[in-house]
Amino acid sequence: MPERFDIHPVTPQERLIQKAVEVIKAGGLVLCPTDAGYALAWSLHGKDAEDRVVRLRQLDSKHPFTLLCRQLSEAGRLARLDDPAFRLLRSLTPGPCTFILPASAELPKRLKHSGRSKRRDIGIRLPRHVVTRALLEAVGEPLLSTSLVLPGEADLVSHEAELVAERCLRWVDVMLDAGDCEPGPTSIVDCTGDEFEVLRQGFHPVSL
């Protein structure tokens, strides 16, 4: 039975964060607030949770998921950050921006071979929302995530907590309900080429 925890958006209750951590470490799927709408999140090792997301969103096998990280040093272990990329991420994080970066040798083997063979790049986010950051700190490692773009739910406003719960709670194990959060989507910046490129301007546009 899915659980919905009313969690404080500024001072999240540790016991509720820990309950969500237990779900994630058991391979479950969590719905959490971010600085760009609510998002689905699960463990790097949560293959069953990921399969549920693929079925829920009706995704193909090549769909890339995003890694939520706590800090730049963590992102730097999973992606290759040269000096210009590091400076860009430092200037724009934490915040509602997704960075496409070359994958590092330390990217978990399962992720390297998911979707594309020998995956060469990865999406990285360092979210600003207090609840998401508390969850990442408590888990102690990055989480995989994806936005709430559901088939047949074109009118879903993913930053409105009540609507998200009504439409999506039944598909997850836990929802961390911190009330309405900032709208999405994130901006997307491609950092894999010689010149950085904004692929999508989000609700909070970025300037390079």
N, C-alpha and C. Protein backbone atom coordinates (compact mmCIF):
# COMPACT_ATOMS: atom_id res chain seq x y z
N MET A 1 0.86 -1.20 0.00
CA MET A 1 0.00 0.00 0.00
C MET A 1 0.89 1.25 0.00
N PRO A 2 0.74 2.13 -0.97
CA PRO A 2 1.56 3.34 -1.01
C PRO A 2 1.34 4.20 0.24
N GLU A 3 2.41 4.85 0.68
CA GLU A 3 2.33 5.75 1.84
C GLU A 3 2.62 7.17 1.39
N ARG A 4 1.93 8.10 2.01
CA ARG A 4 2.10 9.52 1.72
C ARG A 4 2.50 10.23 3.01
N PHE A 5 3.73 10.73 3.05
CA PHE A 5 4.24 11.39 4.24
C PHE A 5 4.19 12.90 4.06
N ASP A 6 3.53 13.58 4.99
CA ASP A 6 3.54 15.05 4.98
C ASP A 6 4.84 15.51 5.63
N ILE A 7 5.73 16.04 4.81
CA ILE A 7 7.06 16.38 5.29
C ILE A 7 7.28 17.88 5.15
N HIS A 8 7.98 18.46 6.13
CA HIS A 8 8.19 19.90 6.13
C HIS A 8 9.15 20.28 5.01
N PRO A 9 8.81 21.30 4.21
CA PRO A 9 9.64 21.64 3.06
C PRO A 9 10.96 22.34 3.40
N VAL A 10 11.07 22.84 4.63
CA VAL A 10 12.29 23.56 5.03
C VAL A 10 13.09 22.79 6.08
N THR A 11 12.38 22.17 7.03
CA THR A 11 13.04 21.36 8.06
C THR A 11 12.42 19.96 8.04
N PRO A 12 12.78 19.16 7.05
CA PRO A 12 12.16 17.83 6.91
C PRO A 12 12.41 16.94 8.11
N GLN A 13 11.37 16.22 8.55
CA GLN A 13 11.49 15.35 9.71
C GLN A 13 12.40 14.16 9.38
N GLU A 14 13.40 13.96 10.20
CA GLU A 14 14.39 12.92 9.95
C GLU A 14 13.76 11.53 9.88
N ARG A 15 12.75 11.29 10.73
CA ARG A 15 12.14 9.95 10.76
C ARG A 15 11.45 9.64 9.43
N LEU A 16 10.88 10.65 8.79
CA LEU A 16 10.22 10.44 7.51
C LEU A 16 11.24 10.23 6.39
N ILE A 17 12.32 10.98 6.46
CA ILE A 17 13.41 10.77 5.50
C ILE A 17 13.94 9.35 5.63
N GLN A 18 14.13 8.89 6.86
CA GLN A 18 14.67 7.54 7.08
C GLN A 18 13.72 6.47 6.56
N LYS A 19 12.42 6.69 6.71
CA LYS A 19 11.45 5.73 6.17
C LYS A 19 11.57 5.64 4.65
N ALA A 20 11.74 6.79 4.01
CA ALA A 20 11.91 6.80 2.56
C ALA A 20 13.22 6.12 2.16
N VAL A 21 14.26 6.32 2.95
CA VAL A 21 15.55 5.66 2.69
C VAL A 21 15.39 4.15 2.76
N GLU A 22 14.66 3.66 3.75
CA GLU A 22 14.44 2.22 3.89
C GLU A 22 13.74 1.66 2.66
N VAL A 23 12.77 2.41 2.14
CA VAL A 23 12.06 1.98 0.94
C VAL A 23 13.02 1.92 -0.25
N ILE A 24 13.84 2.94 -0.40
CA ILE A 24 14.77 2.99 -1.52
C ILE A 24 15.79 1.85 -1.43
N LYS A 25 16.32 1.62 -0.24
CA LYS A 25 17.32 0.57 -0.08
C LYS A 25 16.73 -0.82 -0.24
N ALA A 26 15.41 -0.93 -0.08
CA ALA A 26 14.73 -2.21 -0.31
C ALA A 26 14.32 -2.37 -1.77
N GLY A 27 14.73 -1.42 -2.61
CA GLY A 27 14.41 -1.51 -4.04
C GLY A 27 13.13 -0.83 -4.44
N GLY A 28 12.59 0.04 -3.57
CA GLY A 28 11.31 0.69 -3.85
C GLY A 28 11.43 1.97 -4.64
N LEU A 29 10.28 2.56 -4.92
CA LEU A 29 10.16 3.75 -5.77
C LEU A 29 9.55 4.89 -4.95
N VAL A 30 10.21 6.04 -4.98
CA VAL A 30 9.79 7.19 -4.17
C VAL A 30 9.45 8.37 -5.08
N LEU A 31 8.42 9.08 -4.69
CA LEU A 31 8.02 10.32 -5.36
C LEU A 31 8.43 11.47 -4.46
N CYS A 32 9.33 12.33 -4.94
CA CYS A 32 9.85 13.38 -4.07
C CYS A 32 9.81 14.74 -4.75
N PRO A 33 9.72 15.81 -3.94
CA PRO A 33 9.69 17.16 -4.50
C PRO A 33 11.10 17.58 -4.92
N THR A 34 11.19 18.31 -6.01
CA THR A 34 12.48 18.88 -6.41
C THR A 34 12.27 20.36 -6.72
N ASP A 35 13.32 21.00 -7.21
CA ASP A 35 13.22 22.40 -7.59
C ASP A 35 12.71 22.55 -9.03
N ALA A 36 12.16 21.45 -9.57
CA ALA A 36 11.56 21.49 -10.91
C ALA A 36 10.41 20.48 -10.98
N GLY A 37 9.53 20.55 -10.01
CA GLY A 37 8.40 19.62 -9.96
C GLY A 37 8.73 18.35 -9.19
N TYR A 38 7.71 17.53 -8.94
CA TYR A 38 7.94 16.24 -8.30
C TYR A 38 8.59 15.29 -9.30
N ALA A 39 9.39 14.36 -8.77
CA ALA A 39 10.11 13.42 -9.62
C ALA A 39 10.08 12.03 -8.99
N LEU A 40 10.26 11.02 -9.82
CA LEU A 40 10.42 9.65 -9.36
C LEU A 40 11.89 9.40 -9.08
N ALA A 41 12.18 8.71 -7.97
CA ALA A 41 13.58 8.46 -7.61
C ALA A 41 13.73 7.04 -7.07
N TRP A 42 14.86 6.44 -7.36
CA TRP A 42 15.11 5.07 -6.91
C TRP A 42 16.62 4.81 -6.84
N SER A 43 16.99 3.71 -6.25
CA SER A 43 18.39 3.37 -6.03
C SER A 43 19.10 3.05 -7.34
N LEU A 44 20.42 3.28 -7.35
CA LEU A 44 21.25 2.88 -8.48
C LEU A 44 21.14 1.38 -8.74
N HIS A 45 20.84 0.63 -7.68
CA HIS A 45 20.76 -0.82 -7.78
C HIS A 45 19.31 -1.32 -7.89
N GLY A 46 18.37 -0.39 -7.99
CA GLY A 46 16.95 -0.75 -7.96
C GLY A 46 16.41 -1.12 -9.32
N LYS A 47 16.84 -2.25 -9.86
CA LYS A 47 16.41 -2.67 -11.19
C LYS A 47 14.90 -2.85 -11.25
N ASP A 48 14.30 -3.43 -10.22
CA ASP A 48 12.85 -3.63 -10.24
C ASP A 48 12.11 -2.29 -10.26
N ALA A 49 12.59 -1.32 -9.45
CA ALA A 49 11.97 0.01 -9.44
C ALA A 49 12.10 0.66 -10.82
N GLU A 50 13.27 0.50 -11.42
CA GLU A 50 13.48 1.08 -12.75
C GLU A 50 12.56 0.45 -13.78
N ASP A 51 12.37 -0.86 -13.69
CA ASP A 51 11.45 -1.54 -14.61
C ASP A 51 10.03 -1.01 -14.44
N ARG A 52 9.65 -0.71 -13.20
CA ARG A 52 8.32 -0.15 -12.95
C ARG A 52 8.18 1.22 -13.61
N VAL A 53 9.24 2.03 -13.53
CA VAL A 53 9.23 3.35 -14.15
C VAL A 53 9.09 3.23 -15.66
N VAL A 54 9.83 2.31 -16.25
CA VAL A 54 9.77 2.10 -17.69
C VAL A 54 8.36 1.72 -18.12
N ARG A 55 7.73 0.83 -17.36
CA ARG A 55 6.36 0.43 -17.69
C ARG A 55 5.39 1.58 -17.46
N LEU A 56 5.56 2.31 -16.35
CA LEU A 56 4.66 3.42 -16.02
C LEU A 56 4.70 4.50 -17.09
N ARG A 57 5.90 4.87 -17.50
CA ARG A 57 6.05 5.95 -18.47
C ARG A 57 6.06 5.46 -19.91
N GLN A 58 5.97 4.13 -20.07
CA GLN A 58 5.98 3.52 -21.41
C GLN A 58 7.19 3.99 -22.21
N LEU A 59 8.36 3.81 -21.60
CA LEU A 59 9.62 4.25 -22.20
C LEU A 59 10.25 3.14 -23.01
N ASP A 60 11.06 3.54 -23.99
CA ASP A 60 11.82 2.52 -24.71
C ASP A 60 13.13 2.25 -23.98
N SER A 61 13.84 1.25 -24.44
CA SER A 61 15.04 0.79 -23.73
C SER A 61 16.19 1.78 -23.80
N LYS A 62 16.08 2.79 -24.67
CA LYS A 62 17.18 3.74 -24.83
C LYS A 62 16.97 5.03 -24.02
N HIS A 63 15.89 5.10 -23.27
CA HIS A 63 15.60 6.33 -22.53
C HIS A 63 16.64 6.55 -21.42
N PRO A 64 17.30 7.72 -21.40
CA PRO A 64 18.30 7.97 -20.35
C PRO A 64 17.64 8.53 -19.08
N PHE A 65 18.08 8.05 -17.94
CA PHE A 65 17.63 8.60 -16.67
C PHE A 65 18.69 9.55 -16.12
N THR A 66 18.29 10.35 -15.16
CA THR A 66 19.18 11.36 -14.58
C THR A 66 19.67 10.91 -13.22
N LEU A 67 20.93 11.23 -12.93
CA LEU A 67 21.49 10.95 -11.62
C LEU A 67 21.38 12.19 -10.74
N LEU A 68 20.74 12.03 -9.59
CA LEU A 68 20.68 13.11 -8.59
C LEU A 68 21.88 12.95 -7.67
N CYS A 69 22.68 14.01 -7.53
CA CYS A 69 23.88 13.96 -6.70
C CYS A 69 23.81 15.01 -5.60
N ARG A 70 24.56 14.75 -4.54
CA ARG A 70 24.59 15.67 -3.40
C ARG A 70 25.52 16.85 -3.64
N GLN A 71 26.67 16.58 -4.25
CA GLN A 71 27.70 17.61 -4.38
C GLN A 71 28.55 17.36 -5.62
N LEU A 72 29.36 18.36 -5.96
CA LEU A 72 30.17 18.27 -7.18
C LEU A 72 31.17 17.12 -7.14
N SER A 73 31.73 16.86 -5.97
CA SER A 73 32.71 15.77 -5.87
C SER A 73 32.06 14.43 -6.22
N GLU A 74 30.80 14.26 -5.85
CA GLU A 74 30.08 13.03 -6.16
C GLU A 74 29.80 12.96 -7.66
N ALA A 75 29.38 14.07 -8.24
CA ALA A 75 29.15 14.12 -9.68
C ALA A 75 30.44 13.82 -10.44
N GLY A 76 31.56 14.30 -9.89
CA GLY A 76 32.84 14.11 -10.55
C GLY A 76 33.35 12.68 -10.54
N ARG A 77 32.76 11.85 -9.69
CA ARG A 77 33.15 10.43 -9.70
C ARG A 77 32.38 9.66 -10.78
N LEU A 78 31.23 10.17 -11.17
CA LEU A 78 30.39 9.48 -12.14
C LEU A 78 30.50 10.06 -13.55
N ALA A 79 30.94 11.30 -13.63
CA ALA A 79 31.10 11.97 -14.92
C ALA A 79 32.48 12.63 -14.97
N ARG A 80 32.97 12.81 -16.19
CA ARG A 80 34.27 13.46 -16.36
C ARG A 80 34.05 14.97 -16.40
N LEU A 81 34.63 15.66 -15.43
CA LEU A 81 34.49 17.11 -15.33
C LEU A 81 35.83 17.77 -15.61
N ASP A 82 35.98 18.38 -16.78
CA ASP A 82 37.18 19.18 -17.00
C ASP A 82 36.99 20.54 -16.33
N ASP A 83 37.98 21.39 -16.39
CA ASP A 83 37.90 22.66 -15.66
C ASP A 83 36.73 23.54 -16.11
N PRO A 84 36.48 23.71 -17.42
CA PRO A 84 35.32 24.54 -17.82
C PRO A 84 34.00 23.96 -17.33
N ALA A 85 33.84 22.64 -17.42
CA ALA A 85 32.59 22.02 -16.96
C ALA A 85 32.44 22.18 -15.45
N PHE A 86 33.53 22.01 -14.73
CA PHE A 86 33.47 22.17 -13.27
C PHE A 86 33.04 23.58 -12.91
N ARG A 87 33.61 24.58 -13.58
CA ARG A 87 33.25 25.97 -13.28
C ARG A 87 31.79 26.24 -13.61
N LEU A 88 31.30 25.66 -14.70
CA LEU A 88 29.90 25.86 -15.07
C LEU A 88 28.98 25.25 -14.03
N LEU A 89 29.25 24.00 -13.64
CA LEU A 89 28.41 23.35 -12.64
C LEU A 89 28.46 24.08 -11.31
N ARG A 90 29.64 24.55 -10.95
CA ARG A 90 29.75 25.28 -9.67
C ARG A 90 28.93 26.56 -9.70
N SER A 91 28.81 27.18 -10.87
CA SER A 91 28.06 28.44 -10.96
C SER A 91 26.55 28.23 -11.01
N LEU A 92 26.12 27.03 -11.43
CA LEU A 92 24.68 26.80 -11.65
C LEU A 92 24.07 25.80 -10.68
N THR A 93 24.85 25.30 -9.74
CA THR A 93 24.32 24.32 -8.80
C THR A 93 24.53 24.78 -7.37
N PRO A 94 23.66 24.29 -6.45
CA PRO A 94 22.48 23.48 -6.75
C PRO A 94 21.40 24.30 -7.43
N GLY A 95 20.60 23.63 -8.25
CA GLY A 95 19.55 24.34 -8.96
C GLY A 95 18.88 23.46 -9.99
N PRO A 96 17.85 23.99 -10.65
CA PRO A 96 17.03 23.20 -11.57
C PRO A 96 17.65 23.09 -12.97
N CYS A 97 18.79 22.44 -13.04
CA CYS A 97 19.49 22.30 -14.30
C CYS A 97 20.05 20.88 -14.42
N THR A 98 19.89 20.28 -15.58
CA THR A 98 20.44 18.95 -15.87
C THR A 98 21.61 19.12 -16.82
N PHE A 99 22.73 18.48 -16.48
CA PHE A 99 23.94 18.59 -17.28
C PHE A 99 24.23 17.24 -17.95
N ILE A 100 24.41 17.25 -19.26
CA ILE A 100 24.82 16.05 -19.98
C ILE A 100 26.34 16.06 -20.03
N LEU A 101 26.94 15.04 -19.43
CA LEU A 101 28.40 15.00 -19.26
C LEU A 101 28.95 13.66 -19.73
N PRO A 102 30.22 13.62 -20.14
CA PRO A 102 30.83 12.34 -20.47
C PRO A 102 30.88 11.45 -19.23
N ALA A 103 30.50 10.20 -19.39
CA ALA A 103 30.51 9.26 -18.26
C ALA A 103 31.94 8.92 -17.88
N SER A 104 32.17 8.72 -16.59
CA SER A 104 33.49 8.32 -16.11
C SER A 104 33.59 6.80 -16.05
N ALA A 105 34.80 6.32 -15.82
CA ALA A 105 35.02 4.88 -15.70
C ALA A 105 34.33 4.32 -14.47
N GLU A 106 33.99 5.19 -13.49
CA GLU A 106 33.38 4.74 -12.24
C GLU A 106 31.86 4.63 -12.32
N LEU A 107 31.29 4.99 -13.46
CA LEU A 107 29.84 4.83 -13.61
C LEU A 107 29.51 3.35 -13.44
N PRO A 108 28.55 3.01 -12.57
CA PRO A 108 28.22 1.59 -12.34
C PRO A 108 27.98 0.84 -13.63
N LYS A 109 28.46 -0.39 -13.67
CA LYS A 109 28.41 -1.20 -14.89
C LYS A 109 26.99 -1.32 -15.42
N ARG A 110 26.01 -1.48 -14.52
CA ARG A 110 24.63 -1.65 -14.97
C ARG A 110 24.15 -0.42 -15.74
N LEU A 111 24.59 0.79 -15.30
CA LEU A 111 24.17 2.01 -15.97
C LEU A 111 24.87 2.17 -17.31
N LYS A 112 26.11 1.74 -17.39
CA LYS A 112 26.84 1.84 -18.64
C LYS A 112 26.17 1.04 -19.75
N HIS A 113 25.56 -0.07 -19.36
CA HIS A 113 24.98 -0.95 -20.36
C HIS A 113 23.46 -0.87 -20.42
N SER A 114 22.88 0.13 -19.74
CA SER A 114 21.43 0.30 -19.82
C SER A 114 21.11 1.24 -20.98
N GLY A 115 20.11 0.88 -21.76
CA GLY A 115 19.72 1.73 -22.89
C GLY A 115 20.65 1.58 -24.05
N ARG A 116 21.80 2.25 -23.99
CA ARG A 116 22.77 2.16 -25.07
C ARG A 116 23.91 1.23 -24.68
N SER A 117 24.49 0.55 -25.64
CA SER A 117 25.67 -0.23 -25.32
C SER A 117 26.84 0.72 -25.12
N LYS A 118 27.63 0.46 -24.09
CA LYS A 118 28.79 1.29 -23.78
C LYS A 118 28.39 2.77 -23.72
N ARG A 119 27.52 3.08 -22.80
CA ARG A 119 27.01 4.44 -22.65
C ARG A 119 28.16 5.41 -22.42
N ARG A 120 28.16 6.51 -23.16
CA ARG A 120 29.27 7.46 -23.12
C ARG A 120 28.95 8.76 -22.40
N ASP A 121 27.68 9.00 -22.08
CA ASP A 121 27.34 10.22 -21.37
C ASP A 121 26.23 9.94 -20.36
N ILE A 122 26.05 10.89 -19.47
CA ILE A 122 25.10 10.72 -18.37
C ILE A 122 24.52 12.07 -17.99
N GLY A 123 23.24 12.08 -17.58
CA GLY A 123 22.61 13.30 -17.09
C GLY A 123 22.82 13.42 -15.59
N ILE A 124 23.27 14.59 -15.15
CA ILE A 124 23.57 14.84 -13.72
C ILE A 124 22.76 16.05 -13.25
N ARG A 125 22.16 15.90 -12.06
CA ARG A 125 21.49 17.04 -11.41
C ARG A 125 21.97 17.17 -9.98
N LEU A 126 22.13 18.38 -9.52
CA LEU A 126 22.36 18.68 -8.10
C LEU A 126 21.20 19.55 -7.65
N PRO A 127 20.12 18.92 -7.18
CA PRO A 127 18.89 19.67 -6.88
C PRO A 127 19.05 20.59 -5.67
N ARG A 128 18.22 21.62 -5.65
CA ARG A 128 18.28 22.61 -4.57
C ARG A 128 17.25 22.33 -3.48
N HIS A 129 16.20 21.57 -3.78
CA HIS A 129 15.11 21.40 -2.82
C HIS A 129 15.62 20.72 -1.55
N VAL A 130 15.25 21.27 -0.40
CA VAL A 130 15.77 20.79 0.88
C VAL A 130 15.42 19.33 1.12
N VAL A 131 14.21 18.92 0.79
CA VAL A 131 13.78 17.54 1.04
C VAL A 131 14.59 16.56 0.19
N THR A 132 14.77 16.89 -1.07
CA THR A 132 15.56 16.01 -1.95
C THR A 132 16.99 15.92 -1.47
N ARG A 133 17.55 17.04 -1.05
CA ARG A 133 18.94 17.03 -0.58
C ARG A 133 19.06 16.21 0.72
N ALA A 134 18.06 16.32 1.59
CA ALA A 134 18.08 15.53 2.83
C ALA A 134 17.99 14.04 2.51
N LEU A 135 17.18 13.69 1.52
CA LEU A 135 17.05 12.29 1.11
C LEU A 135 18.37 11.77 0.56
N LEU A 136 19.03 12.55 -0.29
CA LEU A 136 20.31 12.14 -0.85
C LEU A 136 21.37 11.98 0.24
N GLU A 137 21.39 12.90 1.17
CA GLU A 137 22.35 12.80 2.27
C GLU A 137 22.12 11.53 3.08
N ALA A 138 20.87 11.22 3.36
CA ALA A 138 20.55 10.05 4.18
C ALA A 138 20.83 8.75 3.44
N VAL A 139 20.58 8.71 2.13
CA VAL A 139 20.88 7.52 1.35
C VAL A 139 22.38 7.31 1.23
N GLY A 140 23.12 8.42 1.10
CA GLY A 140 24.57 8.34 1.05
C GLY A 140 25.15 8.03 -0.32
N GLU A 141 24.33 8.10 -1.35
CA GLU A 141 24.81 7.87 -2.71
C GLU A 141 23.82 8.51 -3.68
N PRO A 142 24.21 8.68 -4.94
CA PRO A 142 23.29 9.26 -5.91
C PRO A 142 22.05 8.39 -6.10
N LEU A 143 21.01 9.00 -6.61
CA LEU A 143 19.78 8.28 -6.96
C LEU A 143 19.48 8.49 -8.43
N LEU A 144 18.88 7.50 -9.04
CA LEU A 144 18.36 7.66 -10.38
C LEU A 144 17.00 8.34 -10.31
N SER A 145 16.68 9.12 -11.32
CA SER A 145 15.41 9.84 -11.28
C SER A 145 14.89 10.12 -12.68
N THR A 146 13.61 10.45 -12.73
CA THR A 146 12.99 10.90 -13.97
C THR A 146 11.78 11.76 -13.61
N SER A 147 11.41 12.62 -14.53
CA SER A 147 10.30 13.53 -14.28
C SER A 147 8.96 12.82 -14.47
N LEU A 148 7.89 13.48 -14.06
CA LEU A 148 6.55 12.92 -14.16
C LEU A 148 5.91 13.28 -15.50
N VAL A 149 6.35 12.60 -16.53
CA VAL A 149 5.73 12.75 -17.84
C VAL A 149 5.07 11.42 -18.13
N LEU A 150 3.77 11.34 -17.83
CA LEU A 150 3.06 10.06 -17.91
C LEU A 150 2.16 10.00 -19.13
N PRO A 151 2.06 8.85 -19.76
CA PRO A 151 1.17 8.71 -20.92
C PRO A 151 -0.28 8.95 -20.52
N GLY A 152 -0.97 9.74 -21.31
CA GLY A 152 -2.37 10.03 -21.03
C GLY A 152 -2.59 11.05 -19.94
N GLU A 153 -1.50 11.66 -19.43
CA GLU A 153 -1.62 12.64 -18.35
C GLU A 153 -1.01 13.97 -18.79
N ALA A 154 -1.40 14.42 -19.97
CA ALA A 154 -0.82 15.65 -20.52
C ALA A 154 -1.12 16.87 -19.65
N ASP A 155 -2.20 16.81 -18.87
CA ASP A 155 -2.58 17.96 -18.05
C ASP A 155 -2.03 17.88 -16.63
N LEU A 156 -1.16 16.89 -16.38
CA LEU A 156 -0.60 16.75 -15.04
C LEU A 156 0.35 17.91 -14.74
N VAL A 157 0.05 18.65 -13.69
CA VAL A 157 0.92 19.74 -13.27
C VAL A 157 1.81 19.19 -12.16
N SER A 158 3.06 18.89 -12.50
CA SER A 158 3.88 18.06 -11.61
C SER A 158 4.40 18.78 -10.38
N HIS A 159 4.15 20.08 -10.25
CA HIS A 159 4.61 20.78 -9.04
C HIS A 159 3.48 20.96 -8.02
N GLU A 160 2.25 20.57 -8.37
CA GLU A 160 1.12 20.70 -7.44
C GLU A 160 0.92 19.39 -6.70
N ALA A 161 1.23 19.41 -5.42
CA ALA A 161 1.30 18.17 -4.63
C ALA A 161 0.00 17.38 -4.63
N GLU A 162 -1.12 18.06 -4.49
CA GLU A 162 -2.39 17.34 -4.39
C GLU A 162 -2.72 16.64 -5.70
N LEU A 163 -2.48 17.30 -6.79
CA LEU A 163 -2.74 16.70 -8.10
C LEU A 163 -1.79 15.54 -8.36
N VAL A 164 -0.52 15.71 -7.99
CA VAL A 164 0.47 14.64 -8.15
C VAL A 164 0.05 13.41 -7.34
N ALA A 165 -0.39 13.63 -6.10
CA ALA A 165 -0.82 12.51 -5.26
C ALA A 165 -2.03 11.81 -5.86
N GLU A 166 -2.97 12.59 -6.35
CA GLU A 166 -4.20 12.02 -6.92
C GLU A 166 -3.89 11.15 -8.13
N ARG A 167 -2.98 11.61 -8.97
CA ARG A 167 -2.70 10.91 -10.23
C ARG A 167 -1.64 9.82 -10.10
N CYS A 168 -0.68 10.01 -9.18
CA CYS A 168 0.54 9.19 -9.21
C CYS A 168 0.82 8.34 -7.97
N LEU A 169 0.17 8.63 -6.85
CA LEU A 169 0.51 7.93 -5.61
C LEU A 169 0.39 6.42 -5.76
N ARG A 170 -0.60 5.97 -6.48
CA ARG A 170 -0.83 4.53 -6.59
C ARG A 170 0.30 3.79 -7.30
N TRP A 171 1.17 4.53 -8.01
CA TRP A 171 2.24 3.88 -8.77
C TRP A 171 3.54 3.74 -8.00
N VAL A 172 3.63 4.37 -6.81
CA VAL A 172 4.91 4.38 -6.07
C VAL A 172 4.73 3.72 -4.71
N ASP A 173 5.83 3.61 -3.98
CA ASP A 173 5.78 3.05 -2.63
C ASP A 173 5.63 4.14 -1.58
N VAL A 174 6.27 5.29 -1.83
CA VAL A 174 6.21 6.41 -0.87
C VAL A 174 6.19 7.72 -1.64
N MET A 175 5.37 8.66 -1.16
CA MET A 175 5.43 10.04 -1.63
C MET A 175 5.85 10.92 -0.47
N LEU A 176 6.92 11.68 -0.66
CA LEU A 176 7.32 12.70 0.31
C LEU A 176 6.60 13.99 -0.08
N ASP A 177 5.51 14.26 0.59
CA ASP A 177 4.65 15.39 0.24
C ASP A 177 5.08 16.63 1.02
N ALA A 178 5.78 17.52 0.31
CA ALA A 178 6.24 18.77 0.92
C ALA A 178 5.41 19.94 0.43
N GLY A 179 4.20 19.66 -0.06
CA GLY A 179 3.38 20.72 -0.62
C GLY A 179 3.83 21.06 -2.03
N ASP A 180 3.26 22.11 -2.58
CA ASP A 180 3.62 22.51 -3.94
C ASP A 180 5.09 22.93 -3.99
N CYS A 181 5.75 22.59 -5.09
CA CYS A 181 7.15 22.99 -5.26
C CYS A 181 7.27 23.80 -6.55
N GLU A 182 8.48 24.21 -6.87
CA GLU A 182 8.68 25.02 -8.06
C GLU A 182 8.37 24.22 -9.32
N PRO A 183 7.84 24.88 -10.35
CA PRO A 183 7.53 24.17 -11.59
C PRO A 183 8.79 23.77 -12.34
N GLY A 184 8.64 22.81 -13.21
CA GLY A 184 9.70 22.44 -14.13
C GLY A 184 9.36 22.94 -15.52
N PRO A 185 10.09 22.49 -16.52
CA PRO A 185 11.15 21.49 -16.42
C PRO A 185 12.49 22.12 -16.05
N THR A 186 13.49 21.26 -15.90
CA THR A 186 14.85 21.77 -15.73
C THR A 186 15.35 22.31 -17.06
N SER A 187 16.35 23.17 -16.99
CA SER A 187 17.13 23.48 -18.19
C SER A 187 18.09 22.33 -18.42
N ILE A 188 18.43 22.08 -19.67
CA ILE A 188 19.37 21.01 -20.01
C ILE A 188 20.56 21.63 -20.75
N VAL A 189 21.76 21.36 -20.23
CA VAL A 189 22.98 21.87 -20.85
C VAL A 189 23.86 20.69 -21.26
N ASP A 190 24.21 20.65 -22.53
CA ASP A 190 25.08 19.60 -23.06
C ASP A 190 26.54 20.04 -22.90
N CYS A 191 27.28 19.29 -22.10
CA CYS A 191 28.68 19.62 -21.83
C CYS A 191 29.63 18.60 -22.46
N THR A 192 29.16 17.87 -23.46
CA THR A 192 29.98 16.80 -24.03
C THR A 192 30.83 17.27 -25.21
N GLY A 193 30.56 18.44 -25.76
CA GLY A 193 31.30 18.92 -26.92
C GLY A 193 32.31 19.98 -26.55
N ASP A 194 32.95 20.53 -27.57
CA ASP A 194 33.94 21.59 -27.34
C ASP A 194 33.29 22.86 -26.82
N GLU A 195 32.05 23.09 -27.26
CA GLU A 195 31.28 24.24 -26.78
C GLU A 195 30.04 23.74 -26.05
N PHE A 196 29.76 24.33 -24.89
CA PHE A 196 28.55 23.96 -24.15
C PHE A 196 27.32 24.49 -24.89
N GLU A 197 26.23 23.72 -24.83
CA GLU A 197 25.03 24.09 -25.57
C GLU A 197 23.80 23.88 -24.70
N VAL A 198 22.93 24.88 -24.64
CA VAL A 198 21.66 24.75 -23.93
C VAL A 198 20.68 24.03 -24.86
N LEU A 199 20.33 22.81 -24.49
CA LEU A 199 19.40 22.02 -25.30
C LEU A 199 17.95 22.38 -24.99
N ARG A 200 17.69 22.82 -23.77
CA ARG A 200 16.34 23.21 -23.37
C ARG A 200 16.42 24.27 -22.29
N GLN A 201 15.69 25.35 -22.46
CA GLN A 201 15.57 26.34 -21.40
C GLN A 201 14.38 25.92 -20.52
N GLY A 202 14.63 25.77 -19.23
CA GLY A 202 13.59 25.37 -18.31
C GLY A 202 12.81 26.53 -17.74
N PHE A 203 12.09 26.25 -16.67
CA PHE A 203 11.30 27.30 -16.01
C PHE A 203 12.20 28.43 -15.53
N HIS A 204 13.41 28.06 -15.08
CA HIS A 204 14.43 29.05 -14.74
C HIS A 204 15.52 28.99 -15.81
N PRO A 205 15.46 29.86 -16.83
CA PRO A 205 16.42 29.79 -17.93
C PRO A 205 17.86 30.02 -17.43
N VAL A 206 18.81 29.45 -18.16
CA VAL A 206 20.23 29.60 -17.81
C VAL A 206 20.91 30.41 -18.92
N SER A 207 22.00 31.06 -18.53
CA SER A 207 22.83 31.80 -19.47
C SER A 207 24.25 31.29 -19.35
N LEU A 208 24.85 30.89 -20.44
CA LEU A 208 26.21 30.35 -20.41
C LEU A 208 27.25 31.45 -20.61
